[in-house]
C-alpha atoms as a PDB file:
ATOM      1  CA  MET A   1      -0.253  -0.311  -0.162  1.00  0.00           C
ATOM      2  CA  ARG A   2       1.505   3.174  -0.515  1.00  0.00           C
ATOM      3  CA  LEU A   3       0.308   6.629   0.685  1.00  0.00           C
ATOM      4  CA  VAL A   4       0.117   9.864  -1.590  1.00  0.00           C
ATOM      5  CA  VAL A   5      -0.340  13.277  -0.212  1.00  0.00           C
ATOM      6  CA  GLY A   6      -0.825  16.830  -1.776  1.00  0.00           C
ATOM      7  CA  LEU A   7      -0.451  19.445   0.104  1.00  0.00           C
ATOM      8  CA  GLY A   8      -2.334  22.751   0.183  1.00  0.00           C
ATOM      9  CA  ASN A   9      -4.704  24.471   2.005  1.00  0.00           C
ATOM     10  CA  PRO A  10      -8.172  23.719   2.613  1.00  0.00           C
ATOM     11  CA  GLY A  11     -11.013  26.360   1.480  1.00  0.00           C
ATOM     12  CA  PRO A  12     -12.290  28.068  -1.672  1.00  0.00           C
ATOM     13  CA  LYS A  13      -9.728  31.255  -0.912  1.00  0.00           C
ATOM     14  CA  TYR A  14      -6.610  28.978  -1.649  1.00  0.00           C
ATOM     15  CA  LYS A  15      -7.768  26.868  -3.975  1.00  0.00           C
ATOM     16  CA  ASN A  16      -6.104  28.421  -7.526  1.00  0.00           C
ATOM     17  CA  ASN A  17      -2.839  29.522  -4.999  1.00  0.00           C
ATOM     18  CA  ARG A  18       0.213  28.549  -6.098  1.00  0.00           C
ATOM     19  CA  HIS A  19       0.871  26.552  -2.560  1.00  0.00           C
ATOM     20  CA  ASN A  20      -1.899  24.421  -3.629  1.00  0.00           C
ATOM     21  CA  ILE A  21      -0.762  22.277  -6.886  1.00  0.00           C
ATOM     22  CA  GLY A  22       0.190  19.801  -4.151  1.00  0.00           C
ATOM     23  CA  PHE A  23      -4.009  19.986  -3.858  1.00  0.00           C
ATOM     24  CA  MET A  24      -4.878  20.004  -7.868  1.00  0.00           C
ATOM     25  CA  ALA A  25      -1.840  17.095  -8.618  1.00  0.00           C
ATOM     26  CA  ALA A  26      -3.944  14.913  -5.968  1.00  0.00           C
ATOM     27  CA  ASP A  27      -7.080  15.602  -7.378  1.00  0.00           C
ATOM     28  CA  GLU A  28      -6.289  14.690 -10.948  1.00  0.00           C
ATOM     29  CA  ILE A  29      -4.541  11.524  -9.354  1.00  0.00           C
ATOM     30  CA  VAL A  30      -8.389  10.431  -8.106  1.00  0.00           C
ATOM     31  CA  ARG A  31      -9.320  11.118 -11.310  1.00  0.00           C
ATOM     32  CA  ARG A  32      -7.186   9.790 -14.156  1.00  0.00           C
ATOM     33  CA  HIS A  33      -7.176   6.824 -11.985  1.00  0.00           C
ATOM     34  CA  GLY A  34     -11.150   6.492 -11.056  1.00  0.00           C
ATOM     35  CA  LEU A  35     -10.399   6.342  -6.847  1.00  0.00           C
ATOM     36  CA  SER A  36     -13.020   6.694  -4.674  1.00  0.00           C
ATOM     37  CA  ALA A  37     -14.930   9.832  -3.740  1.00  0.00           C
ATOM     38  CA  SER A  38     -12.924  11.925  -0.883  1.00  0.00           C
ATOM     39  CA  ARG A  39     -14.191  10.508   2.585  1.00  0.00           C
ATOM     40  CA  SER A  40     -13.474  12.758   5.955  1.00  0.00           C
ATOM     41  CA  LYS A  41     -10.445  10.812   7.846  1.00  0.00           C
ATOM     42  CA  PHE A  42      -7.257  11.334   8.901  1.00  0.00           C
ATOM     43  CA  GLN A  43      -7.853  15.188   9.914  1.00  0.00           C
ATOM     44  CA  GLY A  44      -8.193  15.445   5.915  1.00  0.00           C
ATOM     45  CA  ASP A  45      -9.921  14.173   2.190  1.00  0.00           C
ATOM     46  CA  ILE A  46      -8.685  10.778   2.040  1.00  0.00           C
ATOM     47  CA  SER A  47      -9.929   8.749  -1.578  1.00  0.00           C
ATOM     48  CA  GLU A  48      -8.553   4.889  -2.240  1.00  0.00           C
ATOM     49  CA  GLY A  49      -8.359   2.389  -5.254  1.00  0.00           C
ATOM     50  CA  ASP A  50      -5.697   0.426  -7.257  1.00  0.00           C
ATOM     51  CA  ILE A  51      -2.926   2.130  -9.761  1.00  0.00           C
ATOM     52  CA  ALA A  52      -1.312   0.198 -11.599  1.00  0.00           C
ATOM     53  CA  GLY A  53      -2.714  -3.055  -9.223  1.00  0.00           C
ATOM     54  CA  GLU A  54      -1.184  -1.373  -6.209  1.00  0.00           C
ATOM     55  CA  LYS A  55      -3.497  -0.482  -2.982  1.00  0.00           C
ATOM     56  CA  VAL A  56      -2.842   3.801  -3.343  1.00  0.00           C
ATOM     57  CA  LEU A  57      -3.838   6.084  -0.729  1.00  0.00           C
ATOM     58  CA  VAL A  58      -5.009   9.691  -1.935  1.00  0.00           C
ATOM     59  CA  LEU A  59      -4.730  12.215   0.726  1.00  0.00           C
ATOM     60  CA  LYS A  60      -4.905  16.093   0.791  1.00  0.00           C
ATOM     61  CA  PRO A  61      -4.922  17.415   4.487  1.00  0.00           C
ATOM     62  CA  ALA A  62      -6.864  19.822   6.157  1.00  0.00           C
ATOM     63  CA  THR A  63      -5.004  20.966   8.924  1.00  0.00           C
ATOM     64  CA  PHE A  64      -4.047  23.875   6.905  1.00  0.00           C
ATOM     65  CA  MET A  65      -0.626  23.487   4.991  1.00  0.00           C
ATOM     66  CA  ASN A  66       2.174  24.385   8.647  1.00  0.00           C
ATOM     67  CA  GLU A  67       0.340  21.687  10.087  1.00  0.00           C
ATOM     68  CA  SER A  68      -0.022  18.947   7.253  1.00  0.00           C
ATOM     69  CA  GLY A  69       2.268  15.952   9.548  1.00  0.00           C
ATOM     70  CA  ARG A  70      -0.952  15.480  11.706  1.00  0.00           C
ATOM     71  CA  SER A  71      -2.749  14.336   9.265  1.00  0.00           C
ATOM     72  CA  VAL A  72       0.442  12.558   7.666  1.00  0.00           C
ATOM     73  CA  GLY A  73       1.093  11.095  10.763  1.00  0.00           C
ATOM     74  CA  GLU A  74      -2.189  10.423  12.005  1.00  0.00           C
ATOM     75  CA  ALA A  75      -2.637   8.148   8.539  1.00  0.00           C
ATOM     76  CA  LEU A  76       0.622   6.439   8.891  1.00  0.00           C
ATOM     77  CA  ARG A  77       0.456   4.686  11.643  1.00  0.00           C
ATOM     78  CA  PHE A  78      -3.646   3.906  11.487  1.00  0.00           C
ATOM     79  CA  TYR A  79      -2.206   1.785   8.382  1.00  0.00           C
ATOM     80  CA  LYS A  80       0.959   0.652   9.984  1.00  0.00           C
ATOM     81  CA  LEU A  81       3.235   2.555   6.681  1.00  0.00           C
ATOM     82  CA  SER A  82       6.784   3.312   6.728  1.00  0.00           C
ATOM     83  CA  ALA A  83       7.921   6.431   5.237  1.00  0.00           C
ATOM     84  CA  GLU A  84       9.598   4.792   2.035  1.00  0.00           C
ATOM     85  CA  ASP A  85       5.324   4.000   1.175  1.00  0.00           C
ATOM     86  CA  VAL A  86       4.787   8.106   1.448  1.00  0.00           C
ATOM     87  CA  ILE A  87       4.931  10.237  -1.603  1.00  0.00           C
ATOM     88  CA  VAL A  88       4.808  13.961  -0.909  1.00  0.00           C
ATOM     89  CA  ILE A  89       3.952  16.270  -3.690  1.00  0.00           C
ATOM     90  CA  TYR A  90       3.951  19.612  -3.166  1.00  0.00           C
ATOM     91  CA  ASP A  91       5.075  23.074  -4.544  1.00  0.00           C
ATOM     92  CA  GLU A  92       8.160  24.477  -4.660  1.00  0.00           C
ATOM     93  CA  ILE A  93       9.519  27.917  -5.056  1.00  0.00           C
ATOM     94  CA  ASP A  94      13.366  27.194  -6.100  1.00  0.00           C
ATOM     95  CA  LEU A  95      12.650  25.445  -9.059  1.00  0.00           C
ATOM     96  CA  ALA A  96      11.553  27.566 -12.017  1.00  0.00           C
ATOM     97  CA  ALA A  97       7.363  27.146 -12.911  1.00  0.00           C
ATOM     98  CA  ALA A  98       6.716  23.867 -14.266  1.00  0.00           C
ATOM     99  CA  LYS A  99      10.361  22.175 -13.347  1.00  0.00           C
ATOM    100  CA  VAL A 100       9.528  18.695 -11.687  1.00  0.00           C
ATOM    101  CA  ARG A 101      12.596  16.820  -9.132  1.00  0.00           C
ATOM    102  CA  VAL A 102      11.839  13.993  -7.246  1.00  0.00           C
ATOM    103  CA  LYS A 103      14.347  12.622  -4.498  1.00  0.00           C
ATOM    104  CA  GLN A 104      13.947   9.558  -1.381  1.00  0.00           C
ATOM    105  CA  GLY A 105      14.370  12.122   2.012  1.00  0.00           C
ATOM    106  CA  GLY A 106      16.601  15.106   2.639  1.00  0.00           C
ATOM    107  CA  GLY A 107      15.767  18.129   4.222  1.00  0.00           C
ATOM    108  CA  HIS A 108      12.424  20.462   4.218  1.00  0.00           C
ATOM    109  CA  ALA A 109      14.455  23.243   2.813  1.00  0.00           C
ATOM    110  CA  GLY A 110      12.350  26.328   4.854  1.00  0.00           C
ATOM    111  CA  HIS A 111       8.866  24.377   3.403  1.00  0.00           C
ATOM    112  CA  ASN A 112       6.337  24.622   6.144  1.00  0.00           C
ATOM    113  CA  GLY A 113       4.562  21.579   5.498  1.00  0.00           C
ATOM    114  CA  LEU A 114       7.785  18.828   5.434  1.00  0.00           C
ATOM    115  CA  ARG A 115       9.072  20.761   8.387  1.00  0.00           C
ATOM    116  CA  SER A 116       5.768  19.094  10.029  1.00  0.00           C
ATOM    117  CA  ILE A 117       5.281  16.342   8.212  1.00  0.00           C
ATOM    118  CA  ASP A 118       9.065  15.018   9.483  1.00  0.00           C
ATOM    119  CA  ALA A 119       8.211  16.344  13.075  1.00  0.00           C
ATOM    120  CA  HIS A 120       5.522  13.924  12.605  1.00  0.00           C
ATOM    121  CA  LEU A 121       6.580  11.443  11.460  1.00  0.00           C
ATOM    122  CA  ASN A 122      10.358  11.407  13.023  1.00  0.00           C
ATOM    123  CA  ASP A 123      12.044   9.649   9.672  1.00  0.00           C
ATOM    124  CA  LYS A 124      12.533  11.686   6.438  1.00  0.00           C
ATOM    125  CA  ASN A 125      13.275   9.113   4.202  1.00  0.00           C
ATOM    126  CA  TYR A 126       9.617   9.460   2.322  1.00  0.00           C
ATOM    127  CA  TRP A 127       9.646   9.920  -1.431  1.00  0.00           C
ATOM    128  CA  ARG A 128       9.150  14.612  -2.365  1.00  0.00           C
ATOM    129  CA  VAL A 129       7.788  15.089  -5.906  1.00  0.00           C
ATOM    130  CA  ARG A 130       8.470  19.246  -6.216  1.00  0.00           C
ATOM    131  CA  LEU A 131       7.027  20.874  -8.710  1.00  0.00           C
ATOM    132  CA  GLY A 132       8.507  23.907  -9.820  1.00  0.00           C
ATOM    133  CA  ILE A 133       6.725  27.294  -8.755  1.00  0.00           C
ATOM    134  CA  GLY A 134       9.231  29.334  -9.535  1.00  0.00           C
ATOM    135  CA  HIS A 135      10.643  32.102  -7.324  1.00  0.00           C
ATOM    136  CA  PRO A 136       9.473  35.954  -7.284  1.00  0.00           C
ATOM    137  CA  GLY A 137      12.813  37.294  -6.882  1.00  0.00           C
ATOM    138  CA  GLU A 138      12.566  38.909  -3.492  1.00  0.00           C
ATOM    139  CA  LYS A 139      12.804  37.550  -0.409  1.00  0.00           C
ATOM    140  CA  SER A 140      10.137  39.497   0.902  1.00  0.00           C
ATOM    141  CA  GLN A 141       7.055  38.749  -1.821  1.00  0.00           C
ATOM    142  CA  VAL A 142       7.587  34.408  -0.990  1.00  0.00           C
ATOM    143  CA  SER A 143       4.546  34.964   1.217  1.00  0.00           C
ATOM    144  CA  ASN A 144       2.564  37.332  -1.973  1.00  0.00           C
ATOM    145  CA  HIS A 145       4.051  34.852  -4.479  1.00  0.00           C
ATOM    146  CA  VAL A 146       3.430  31.577  -3.354  1.00  0.00           C
ATOM    147  CA  LEU A 147      -0.157  32.077  -1.713  1.00  0.00           C
ATOM    148  CA  GLY A 148      -1.342  34.058  -5.324  1.00  0.00           C
ATOM    149  CA  ASP A 149      -3.150  32.379  -7.866  1.00  0.00           C
ATOM    150  CA  PHE A 150      -1.974  30.481 -10.739  1.00  0.00           C
ATOM    151  CA  SER A 151      -2.496  33.563 -13.906  1.00  0.00           C
ATOM    152  CA  LYS A 152      -4.590  32.637 -17.439  1.00  0.00           C
ATOM    153  CA  GLN A 153      -0.884  32.322 -18.745  1.00  0.00           C
ATOM    154  CA  ASP A 154       0.194  29.489 -15.796  1.00  0.00           C
ATOM    155  CA  ARG A 155      -2.913  27.512 -16.399  1.00  0.00           C
ATOM    156  CA  THR A 156      -2.072  25.835 -19.899  1.00  0.00           C
ATOM    157  CA  TRP A 157       1.540  24.276 -18.153  1.00  0.00           C
ATOM    158  CA  VAL A 158       0.054  23.438 -14.924  1.00  0.00           C
ATOM    159  CA  GLU A 159      -3.380  21.261 -16.571  1.00  0.00           C
ATOM    160  CA  ARG A 160      -0.176  19.943 -18.405  1.00  0.00           C
ATOM    161  CA  GLU A 161       2.161  19.043 -15.874  1.00  0.00           C
ATOM    162  CA  LEU A 162      -0.931  17.734 -13.572  1.00  0.00           C
ATOM    163  CA  SER A 163      -1.885  15.420 -16.433  1.00  0.00           C
ATOM    164  CA  VAL A 164       1.444  13.892 -17.175  1.00  0.00           C
ATOM    165  CA  VAL A 165       2.142  13.285 -13.301  1.00  0.00           C
ATOM    166  CA  ALA A 166      -1.206  11.332 -12.575  1.00  0.00           C
ATOM    167  CA  ASP A 167      -0.616   9.303 -15.957  1.00  0.00           C
ATOM    168  CA  GLU A 168       2.542   8.826 -14.786  1.00  0.00           C
ATOM    169  CA  LEU A 169       1.889   7.634 -11.553  1.00  0.00           C
ATOM    170  CA  PRO A 170       2.224   4.167 -11.701  1.00  0.00           C
ATOM    171  CA  LEU A 171       6.756   4.686 -12.944  1.00  0.00           C
ATOM    172  CA  LEU A 172       6.608   6.318  -9.272  1.00  0.00           C
ATOM    173  CA  LEU A 173       5.300   3.631  -7.567  1.00  0.00           C
ATOM    174  CA  GLY A 174       6.930   1.372  -9.487  1.00  0.00           C
ATOM    175  CA  GLY A 175      10.590   2.431  -8.120  1.00  0.00           C
ATOM    176  CA  GLN A 176      11.057   4.193 -12.031  1.00  0.00           C
ATOM    177  CA  ALA A 177      11.699   7.300 -10.567  1.00  0.00           C
ATOM    178  CA  ASN A 178      14.125   9.060 -13.059  1.00  0.00           C
ATOM    179  CA  ASP A 179      11.267   8.196 -16.177  1.00  0.00           C
ATOM    180  CA  PHE A 180       9.144   9.214 -14.349  1.00  0.00           C
ATOM    181  CA  THR A 181      10.900  12.744 -14.150  1.00  0.00           C
ATOM    182  CA  SER A 182      11.692  12.745 -17.289  1.00  0.00           C
ATOM    183  CA  ARG A 183       8.301  12.073 -18.120  1.00  0.00           C
ATOM    184  CA  VAL A 184       7.138  14.901 -17.016  1.00  0.00           C
ATOM    185  CA  ALA A 185       9.752  16.828 -17.843  1.00  0.00           C
ATOM    186  CA  MET A 186       9.057  16.343 -21.573  1.00  0.00           C
ATOM    187  CA  ALA A 187       5.047  16.160 -21.619  1.00  0.00           C
ATOM    188  CA  THR A 188       5.616  20.430 -19.974  1.00  0.00           C
ATOM    189  CA  GLN A 189       8.360  21.718 -21.970  1.00  0.00           C
ATOM    190  CA  GLY A 190       5.828  20.367 -24.912  1.00  0.00           C
ATOM    191  CA  GLN A 191       8.693  17.954 -25.929  1.00  0.00           C
ATOM    192  CA  PRO A 192       7.242  14.410 -28.590  1.00  0.00           C
ATOM    193  CA  GLN A 193       7.900  11.380 -26.340  1.00  0.00           C
ATOM    194  CA  SER A 194       9.370   9.341 -29.222  1.00  0.00           C
ATOM    195  CA  THR A 195      11.804  10.270 -32.226  1.00  0.00           C
ATOM    196  CA  THR A 196      10.111  10.490 -34.852  1.00  0.00           C
ATOM    197  CA  SER A 197      10.601  14.649 -35.007  1.00  0.00           C
ATOM    198  CA  GLU A 198      14.250  14.395 -35.074  1.00  0.00           C
ATOM    199  CA  VAL A 199      14.405  11.436 -37.471  1.00  0.00           C
ATOM    200  CA  SER A 200      11.919  13.177 -40.202  1.00  0.00           C
ATOM    201  CA  ALA A 201      14.469  16.467 -39.491  1.00  0.00           C
ATOM    202  CA  LYS A 202      17.575  14.930 -40.291  1.00  0.00           C
ATOM    203  CA  PRO A 203      17.096  14.484 -43.983  1.00  0.00           C
ATOM    204  CA  GLU A 204      16.206  17.771 -44.672  1.00  0.00           C
ATOM    205  CA  THR A 205      19.570  19.473 -42.116  1.00  0.00           C
ATOM    206  CA  THR A 206      22.163  17.227 -44.221  1.00  0.00           C
ATOM    207  CA  LYS A 207      20.712  17.570 -47.760  1.00  0.00           C
ATOM    208  CA  THR A 208      20.101  21.343 -47.100  1.00  0.00           C
ATOM    209  CA  ASN A 209      23.794  21.832 -45.947  1.00  0.00           C
ATOM    210  CA  THR A 210      25.486  19.155 -48.294  1.00  0.00           C
ATOM    211  CA  ARG A 211      24.929  20.776 -52.100  1.00  0.00           C
ATOM    212  CA  PRO A 212      26.383  24.409 -51.346  1.00  0.00           C
ATOM    213  CA  ALA A 213      29.638  22.349 -49.161  1.00  0.00           C
ATOM    214  CA  SER A 214      29.619  20.553 -52.923  1.00  0.00           C
ATOM    215  CA  LYS A 215      29.012  22.816 -55.408  1.00  0.00           C
ATOM    216  CA  GLU A 216      31.666  25.275 -53.228  1.00  0.00           C
ATOM    217  CA  ALA A 217      34.250  22.279 -53.062  1.00  0.00           C
ATOM    218  CA  SER A 218      34.500  21.702 -56.803  1.00  0.00           C
ATOM    219  CA  GLU A 219      34.470  25.449 -57.769  1.00  0.00           C
ATOM    220  CA  THR A 220      37.432  25.477 -55.559  1.00  0.00           C
ATOM    221  CA  ALA A 221      39.320  22.714 -56.797  1.00  0.00           C
ATOM    222  CA  LEU A 222      38.145  24.122 -60.618  1.00  0.00           C
ATOM    223  CA  GLY A 223      40.123  27.558 -59.621  1.00  0.00           C
ATOM    224  CA  HIS A 224      42.837  25.673 -58.880  1.00  0.00           C
ATOM    225  CA  ALA A 225      43.354  23.847 -61.950  1.00  0.00           C
ATOM    226  CA  LEU A 226      43.111  26.732 -63.769  1.00  0.00           C
ATOM    227  CA  SER A 227      45.986  28.369 -61.563  1.00  0.00           C
ATOM    228  CA  ARG A 228      48.191  25.352 -62.783  1.00  0.00           C
ATOM    229  CA  ALA A 229      47.903  25.680 -65.940  1.00  0.00           C
ATOM    230  CA  MET A 230      48.412  29.254 -66.193  1.00  0.00           C
ATOM    231  CA  ASN A 231      51.631  29.035 -64.519  1.00  0.00           C
ATOM    232  CA  ARG A 232      52.684  26.425 -66.838  1.00  0.00           C
ATOM    233  CA  LEU A 233      51.781  28.292 -70.196  1.00  0.00           C
ATOM    234  CA  ARG A 234      53.393  31.552 -68.172  1.00  0.00           C
ATOM    235  CA  GLY A 235      57.204  29.221 -67.612  1.00  0.00           C
ATOM    236  CA  ARG A 236      57.175  28.218 -71.155  1.00  0.00           C
ATOM    237  CA  GLU A 237      56.972  31.357 -71.954  1.00  0.00           C
END
């Protein structure tokens, strides 16, 4: 059994905040994989079901971000799970918008949701999926930035990223963290997940570059030949 936790703040006031991208990811995972309707438990909202043959619980703590650990710790103890069974999805200001990073263990890097989880689990060896929201540039603007809503322009990459995070979650559940990260990165950047476009581009590139180079080489060789012939004629005179 795995516990997937999306971090955020409850209530309509915070629904579209950058700080709530973890909640958004949790909702998309539930929708994509047809998990059960959420119910109130463990001081949060929880859904459950099977993903790629594994029992998965998706939890959205309702304790507000700074007390996320209370909810996560309660669920962990109830199901007798270890920290390694937990995947936490959250916002990361130190990553550019639309970037994603995955790692197991580590520090909280000032994120209050992780700080609370660390305190209640007493074990930092859980998995972290960091979804970049960008940094405002000034430390004094961090609070306004994370608690501000995503812009209309942001919605394109946010929706694409959340969709692929949900679709590729089975890779992460199966221990293929690098593959998961690569798939999310490629989809978010709009890059194809196959080499079809690269292969089709090669003949055109070769055609464009080869012909002028060949023509120039021929003209140069002809010029050298004429020059040598003229020199021989001059020598005879």
